[in-house]
């Protein structure tokens, strides 16, 4: 009888632990692990979110950049953290790309609890203004007339390099794709003329395009961007399979109390719906993407076969 009572007492304690913990949450600094280089699209969005989310949670949010291994280093670090809501992961398509592209000693989909989707955007295919091309067709012709002269930098181990390889495959452009640790690392080489092509997101390239330091040839969104109305969508130039979405969201280590997940989700959605946040995101070329934790979980599951097919088609692997 005593054993049964002790067992029941333990069950009751566990049942009430989550709500009790959530009631006082958060009571200290929250760390948001960003497994990307500083200045990259995900880093830009993570910092914008943290800045606007802090007042709603009443605690500071510290960005912890942990790039490397195509997001593996930062992802594993966050997965190993205490599931108490004080270490979160800001992740993108990498969470579904990683298992398809490389051998992992962990399952990222089982190691985390989806908290909230945050944003979506698209990639751009841009070239140096030094190249005498203004359309994808002109680029393809130029690369075939000058084989081995156009270098295309893309972030290794991420969806970005898959987009680059898929563009090369579908367009038949004769370009050499060079893996970089991050977009920020490739930019100096691009501006210095050592790299002739990139596939950034609008958030990190709009100002450079407007300044004439980059020339955008296409965008992977379903429609043209209001910020870049002269840049055709991929489907307009016969590359519908290159219509791909770049998305990001917040995950918590598996086992994080559901009440804390719901509290974070509500605060993030409230942040994304604010006029100030919407205006900031629009300027950067981001679209807010709100929803419940279950919505985000379902979306991630839907993305898995899409990116797995692209990995298989391009043959990209990260050893």
Protein backbone atom coordinates (compact mmCIF):
# COMPACT_ATOMS: atom_id res chain seq x y z
CA UNK A 1 0.00 0.00 0.00
CA UNK A 2 2.81 2.39 0.89
CA UNK A 3 4.50 1.63 -2.40
CA UNK A 4 1.29 2.37 -4.28
CA UNK A 5 0.79 5.65 -2.42
CA UNK A 6 4.39 6.69 -3.11
CA UNK A 7 3.91 5.87 -6.78
CA UNK A 8 0.72 7.90 -6.98
CA UNK A 9 2.38 10.79 -5.15
CA UNK A 10 5.21 10.77 -7.68
CA UNK A 11 2.77 10.80 -10.60
CA UNK A 12 0.89 13.73 -9.07
CA UNK A 13 4.11 15.63 -8.47
CA UNK A 14 5.16 15.17 -12.09
CA UNK A 15 1.72 16.19 -13.33
CA UNK A 16 1.87 19.50 -11.48
CA UNK A 17 5.57 20.18 -12.06
CA UNK A 18 5.07 21.50 -15.59
CA UNK A 19 2.37 24.09 -14.77
CA UNK A 20 4.20 25.19 -11.62
CA UNK A 21 7.45 25.69 -13.53
CA UNK A 22 5.64 27.53 -16.33
CA UNK A 23 3.98 29.89 -13.88
CA UNK A 24 7.33 31.30 -12.77
CA UNK A 25 8.89 31.04 -16.23
CA UNK A 26 10.96 32.88 -17.25
CA UNK A 27 12.86 34.06 -14.21
CA UNK A 28 16.32 34.47 -15.74
CA UNK A 29 18.23 34.99 -18.98
CA UNK A 30 17.20 32.86 -21.97
CA UNK A 31 19.88 31.66 -24.39
CA UNK A 32 18.94 31.37 -28.06
CA UNK A 33 21.44 29.16 -29.87
CA UNK A 34 21.88 30.17 -33.51
CA UNK A 35 23.91 27.53 -35.40
CA UNK A 36 24.84 30.01 -38.13
CA UNK A 37 27.49 32.67 -38.58
CA UNK A 38 26.91 36.21 -37.33
CA UNK A 39 25.41 38.33 -40.10
CA UNK A 40 23.76 35.39 -41.87
CA UNK A 41 20.01 35.53 -42.65
CA UNK A 42 19.13 33.32 -39.69
CA UNK A 43 21.30 35.38 -37.37
CA UNK A 44 19.67 38.61 -38.57
CA UNK A 45 16.19 37.19 -37.98
CA UNK A 46 17.11 35.65 -34.61
CA UNK A 47 18.43 38.97 -33.34
CA UNK A 48 15.36 40.83 -34.55
CA UNK A 49 13.10 38.29 -32.84
CA UNK A 50 15.08 38.38 -29.60
CA UNK A 51 15.02 42.17 -29.49
CA UNK A 52 11.24 42.32 -29.83
CA UNK A 53 10.48 39.20 -27.76
CA UNK A 54 12.42 40.26 -24.65
CA UNK A 55 9.85 42.81 -23.42
CA UNK A 56 7.06 40.23 -23.73
CA UNK A 57 8.91 37.64 -21.66
CA UNK A 58 10.39 40.12 -19.21
CA UNK A 59 13.89 38.62 -19.41
CA UNK A 60 16.97 39.21 -21.59
CA UNK A 61 17.50 36.87 -24.55
CA UNK A 62 21.15 36.27 -25.41
CA UNK A 63 22.15 35.14 -28.90
CA UNK A 64 24.75 32.37 -28.89
CA UNK A 65 26.21 31.85 -32.38
CA UNK A 66 27.50 28.30 -32.80
CA UNK A 67 28.19 27.78 -36.52
CA UNK A 68 29.97 24.80 -38.00
CA UNK A 69 29.25 21.36 -39.37
CA UNK A 70 26.35 22.69 -41.39
CA UNK A 71 24.47 23.57 -38.16
CA UNK A 72 25.35 20.27 -36.43
CA UNK A 73 27.55 21.84 -33.74
CA UNK A 74 24.96 24.33 -32.53
CA UNK A 75 22.08 21.89 -32.89
CA UNK A 76 23.75 19.21 -30.77
CA UNK A 77 24.65 21.80 -28.15
CA UNK A 78 21.03 22.91 -27.84
CA UNK A 79 19.73 19.34 -27.83
CA UNK A 80 21.95 18.50 -24.85
CA UNK A 81 20.73 21.47 -22.81
CA UNK A 82 18.41 21.18 -19.81
CA UNK A 83 14.79 21.06 -21.07
CA UNK A 84 13.68 23.98 -18.93
CA UNK A 85 13.00 26.66 -21.54
CA UNK A 86 16.21 28.58 -20.87
CA UNK A 87 18.09 27.21 -23.89
CA UNK A 88 16.29 27.39 -27.23
CA UNK A 89 17.38 26.75 -30.81
CA UNK A 90 16.73 29.07 -33.76
CA UNK A 91 16.72 26.77 -36.75
CA UNK A 92 15.84 26.75 -40.43
CA UNK A 93 15.33 24.16 -43.13
CA UNK A 94 18.55 22.62 -41.81
CA UNK A 95 16.52 20.59 -39.33
CA UNK A 96 15.06 18.58 -42.24
CA UNK A 97 18.05 18.88 -44.58
CA UNK A 98 20.68 17.57 -42.14
CA UNK A 99 19.31 14.01 -41.81
CA UNK A 100 19.09 13.66 -45.60
CA UNK A 101 22.49 15.17 -46.39
CA UNK A 102 24.81 13.71 -43.79
CA UNK A 103 25.29 10.90 -41.31
CA UNK A 104 24.18 12.09 -37.89
CA UNK A 105 24.75 10.42 -34.55
CA UNK A 106 21.45 11.85 -33.32
CA UNK A 107 17.91 12.41 -34.61
CA UNK A 108 17.21 16.16 -34.67
CA UNK A 109 13.47 15.58 -35.05
CA UNK A 110 13.33 13.50 -31.88
CA UNK A 111 15.73 15.67 -29.90
CA UNK A 112 13.52 18.75 -30.01
CA UNK A 113 10.01 20.00 -29.32
CA UNK A 114 8.72 22.48 -31.94
CA UNK A 115 7.88 25.82 -30.29
CA UNK A 116 6.92 28.21 -33.07
CA UNK A 117 7.50 28.98 -36.71
CA UNK A 118 8.88 32.49 -37.16
CA UNK A 119 9.40 33.50 -40.75
CA UNK A 120 9.67 32.49 -44.35
CA UNK A 121 11.54 34.05 -47.23
CA UNK A 122 13.26 32.97 -50.44
CA UNK A 123 16.69 32.80 -51.97
CA UNK A 124 18.05 35.05 -54.69
CA UNK A 125 20.49 34.08 -57.40
CA UNK A 126 22.84 37.04 -57.71
CA UNK A 127 25.92 37.73 -59.80
CA UNK A 128 28.71 40.23 -59.70
CA UNK A 129 28.00 43.38 -61.73
CA UNK A 130 31.36 42.69 -63.38
CA UNK A 131 29.78 39.78 -65.26
CA UNK A 132 28.22 40.93 -68.56
CA UNK A 133 24.89 39.18 -67.87
CA UNK A 134 21.47 40.45 -66.82
CA UNK A 135 19.31 37.33 -67.13
CA UNK A 136 19.64 33.65 -66.29
CA UNK A 137 19.67 32.83 -70.00
CA UNK A 138 22.58 35.21 -70.55
CA UNK A 139 24.37 33.70 -67.54
CA UNK A 140 24.00 30.16 -68.88
CA UNK A 141 25.30 31.20 -72.29
CA UNK A 142 28.23 33.09 -70.73
CA UNK A 143 29.29 30.15 -68.53
CA UNK A 144 29.28 27.81 -71.49
CA UNK A 145 31.36 30.23 -73.55
CA UNK A 146 33.74 30.75 -70.60
CA UNK A 147 33.82 27.37 -68.81
CA UNK A 148 35.49 27.19 -65.42
CA UNK A 149 35.47 30.95 -64.85
CA UNK A 150 32.34 31.49 -62.73
CA UNK A 151 32.54 30.55 -59.05
CA UNK A 152 29.32 30.16 -57.07
CA UNK A 153 29.69 30.37 -53.26
CA UNK A 154 27.09 28.64 -51.07
CA UNK A 155 26.94 27.73 -47.40
CA UNK A 156 28.12 24.17 -46.92
CA UNK A 157 25.92 21.57 -45.30
CA UNK A 158 22.75 23.68 -45.49
CA UNK A 159 19.75 24.15 -47.75
CA UNK A 160 21.61 27.00 -49.47
CA UNK A 161 24.11 24.67 -51.12
CA UNK A 162 21.24 22.44 -52.24
CA UNK A 163 19.57 25.45 -53.87
CA UNK A 164 22.86 26.30 -55.60
CA UNK A 165 23.30 22.73 -56.87
CA UNK A 166 19.66 22.53 -57.93
CA UNK A 167 20.01 25.81 -59.85
CA UNK A 168 23.10 24.48 -61.62
CA UNK A 169 21.29 21.24 -62.43
CA UNK A 170 18.07 22.81 -63.73
CA UNK A 171 19.60 25.78 -65.58
CA UNK A 172 22.58 23.80 -66.99
CA UNK A 173 24.87 26.73 -66.12
CA UNK A 174 28.55 25.72 -66.14
CA UNK A 175 29.48 27.09 -62.71
CA UNK A 176 31.79 25.82 -59.99
CA UNK A 177 30.04 25.67 -56.62
CA UNK A 178 32.37 26.42 -53.74
CA UNK A 179 31.29 25.56 -50.16
CA UNK A 180 31.70 28.31 -47.57
CA UNK A 181 31.14 28.22 -43.82
CA UNK A 182 28.54 30.95 -44.14
CA UNK A 183 27.22 33.68 -46.40
CA UNK A 184 28.99 36.34 -44.37
CA UNK A 185 32.30 34.56 -44.97
CA UNK A 186 31.73 34.50 -48.74
CA UNK A 187 30.72 38.15 -49.09
CA UNK A 188 34.25 39.67 -48.95
CA UNK A 189 35.38 37.29 -51.70
CA UNK A 190 32.32 38.19 -53.77
CA UNK A 191 32.89 41.92 -53.40
CA UNK A 192 36.58 41.40 -54.08
CA UNK A 193 35.88 39.62 -57.37
CA UNK A 194 37.11 36.16 -56.36
CA UNK A 195 33.55 34.80 -56.34
CA UNK A 196 31.06 35.72 -59.09
CA UNK A 197 27.81 34.23 -57.76
CA UNK A 198 25.91 33.88 -54.49
CA UNK A 199 22.43 32.79 -53.39
CA UNK A 200 21.64 35.09 -50.44
CA UNK A 201 18.23 35.93 -49.02
CA UNK A 202 16.81 39.44 -49.39
CA UNK A 203 17.58 40.18 -45.72
CA UNK A 204 21.32 40.24 -46.36
CA UNK A 205 21.40 41.50 -49.94
CA UNK A 206 18.76 44.18 -50.58
CA UNK A 207 21.06 47.06 -49.70
CA UNK A 208 23.89 45.67 -51.85
CA UNK A 209 21.55 45.11 -54.81
CA UNK A 210 20.22 48.65 -54.53
CA UNK A 211 23.77 49.97 -54.32
CA UNK A 212 24.68 48.18 -57.55
CA UNK A 213 27.15 45.82 -55.88
CA UNK A 214 25.05 42.75 -56.70
CA UNK A 215 22.82 41.95 -59.65
CA UNK A 216 19.82 39.73 -58.90
CA UNK A 217 18.77 37.35 -61.69
CA UNK A 218 15.93 35.45 -60.02
CA UNK A 219 14.12 34.82 -56.76
CA UNK A 220 12.88 31.39 -55.62
CA UNK A 221 9.54 32.68 -54.31
CA UNK A 222 6.25 31.74 -56.01
CA UNK A 223 5.77 35.38 -57.03
CA UNK A 224 8.00 38.41 -57.47
CA UNK A 225 9.05 40.29 -54.36
CA UNK A 226 7.53 43.69 -53.72
CA UNK A 227 11.00 44.83 -52.66
CA UNK A 228 12.53 43.63 -55.96
CA UNK A 229 9.75 43.94 -58.55
CA UNK A 230 12.14 43.69 -61.51
CA UNK A 231 13.55 40.31 -60.45
CA UNK A 232 11.62 37.37 -61.99
CA UNK A 233 10.41 34.42 -59.95
CA UNK A 234 12.01 31.09 -60.88
CA UNK A 235 8.83 29.73 -62.44
CA UNK A 236 8.64 32.74 -64.80
CA UNK A 237 11.85 31.71 -66.50
CA UNK A 238 11.04 28.01 -66.77
CA UNK A 239 12.49 26.80 -63.47
CA UNK A 240 9.37 25.97 -61.40
CA UNK A 241 11.21 23.28 -59.44
CA UNK A 242 13.40 26.01 -58.00
CA UNK A 243 10.41 27.54 -56.20
CA UNK A 244 11.67 26.90 -52.66
CA UNK A 245 10.98 28.45 -49.30
CA UNK A 246 13.57 29.42 -46.74
CA UNK A 247 12.02 29.23 -43.29
CA UNK A 248 13.01 29.48 -39.67
CA UNK A 249 11.55 28.77 -36.27
CA UNK A 250 12.27 28.09 -32.63
CA UNK A 251 12.75 24.66 -31.06
CA UNK A 252 13.23 23.59 -27.44
CA UNK A 253 15.03 20.49 -26.17
CA UNK A 254 12.74 17.45 -26.04
CA UNK A 255 11.10 17.14 -22.66
CA UNK A 256 10.53 20.86 -22.17
CA UNK A 257 7.23 21.22 -20.27
CA UNK A 258 4.27 21.76 -22.59
CA UNK A 259 3.16 24.79 -20.56
CA UNK A 260 6.50 26.51 -21.20
CA UNK A 261 6.30 25.64 -24.91
CA UNK A 262 2.81 27.16 -25.07
CA UNK A 263 3.94 30.27 -23.21
CA UNK A 264 6.85 30.78 -25.60
CA UNK A 265 4.62 30.12 -28.62
CA UNK A 266 2.08 32.73 -27.50
CA UNK A 267 4.80 35.33 -26.86
CA UNK A 268 6.47 34.69 -30.23
CA UNK A 269 3.16 34.89 -32.12
CA UNK A 270 2.30 38.11 -30.31
CA UNK A 271 5.68 39.52 -31.28
CA UNK A 272 5.25 38.54 -34.93
CA UNK A 273 1.82 40.16 -35.12
CA UNK A 274 3.04 43.53 -33.80
CA UNK A 275 3.14 46.35 -36.33
CA UNK A 276 6.72 47.21 -35.36
CA UNK A 277 7.91 43.66 -36.01
CA UNK A 278 5.99 43.39 -39.28
CA UNK A 279 7.55 46.61 -40.55
CA UNK A 280 11.06 45.49 -39.60
CA UNK A 281 10.60 42.10 -41.25
CA UNK A 282 9.22 43.61 -44.45
CA UNK A 283 12.27 45.85 -44.79
CA UNK A 284 14.46 42.76 -44.54
CA UNK A 285 12.42 40.71 -46.99
CA UNK A 286 10.95 38.35 -44.37
CA UNK A 287 7.32 37.23 -44.04
CA UNK A 288 5.99 36.42 -40.57
CA UNK A 289 4.84 32.83 -40.15
CA UNK A 290 2.65 32.29 -37.08
CA UNK A 291 0.93 29.17 -35.76
CA UNK A 292 0.72 26.69 -32.93
CA UNK A 293 3.48 24.26 -31.88
CA UNK A 294 1.50 21.52 -33.63
CA UNK A 295 1.27 23.61 -36.81
CA UNK A 296 5.04 23.96 -36.80
CA UNK A 297 5.50 20.25 -36.13
CA UNK A 298 3.23 19.35 -39.05
CA UNK A 299 5.03 21.79 -41.35
CA UNK A 300 8.42 20.27 -40.51
CA UNK A 301 7.11 16.79 -41.30
CA UNK A 302 5.81 18.02 -44.67
CA UNK A 303 9.19 19.54 -45.53
CA UNK A 304 11.13 16.31 -44.99
CA UNK A 305 10.22 14.54 -48.28
CA UNK A 306 10.67 17.76 -50.29
CA UNK A 307 14.28 18.29 -49.20
CA UNK A 308 15.10 14.59 -49.15
CA UNK A 309 14.18 14.46 -52.85
CA UNK A 310 16.40 17.46 -53.60
CA UNK A 311 19.33 15.88 -51.75
CA UNK A 312 18.85 12.67 -53.73
CA UNK A 313 18.56 14.55 -57.03
CA UNK A 314 21.67 16.68 -56.52
CA UNK A 315 23.75 14.02 -54.79
CA UNK A 316 25.06 16.54 -52.26
CA UNK A 317 26.56 15.00 -49.14
CA UNK A 318 28.51 16.43 -46.25
CA UNK A 319 31.20 14.00 -45.13
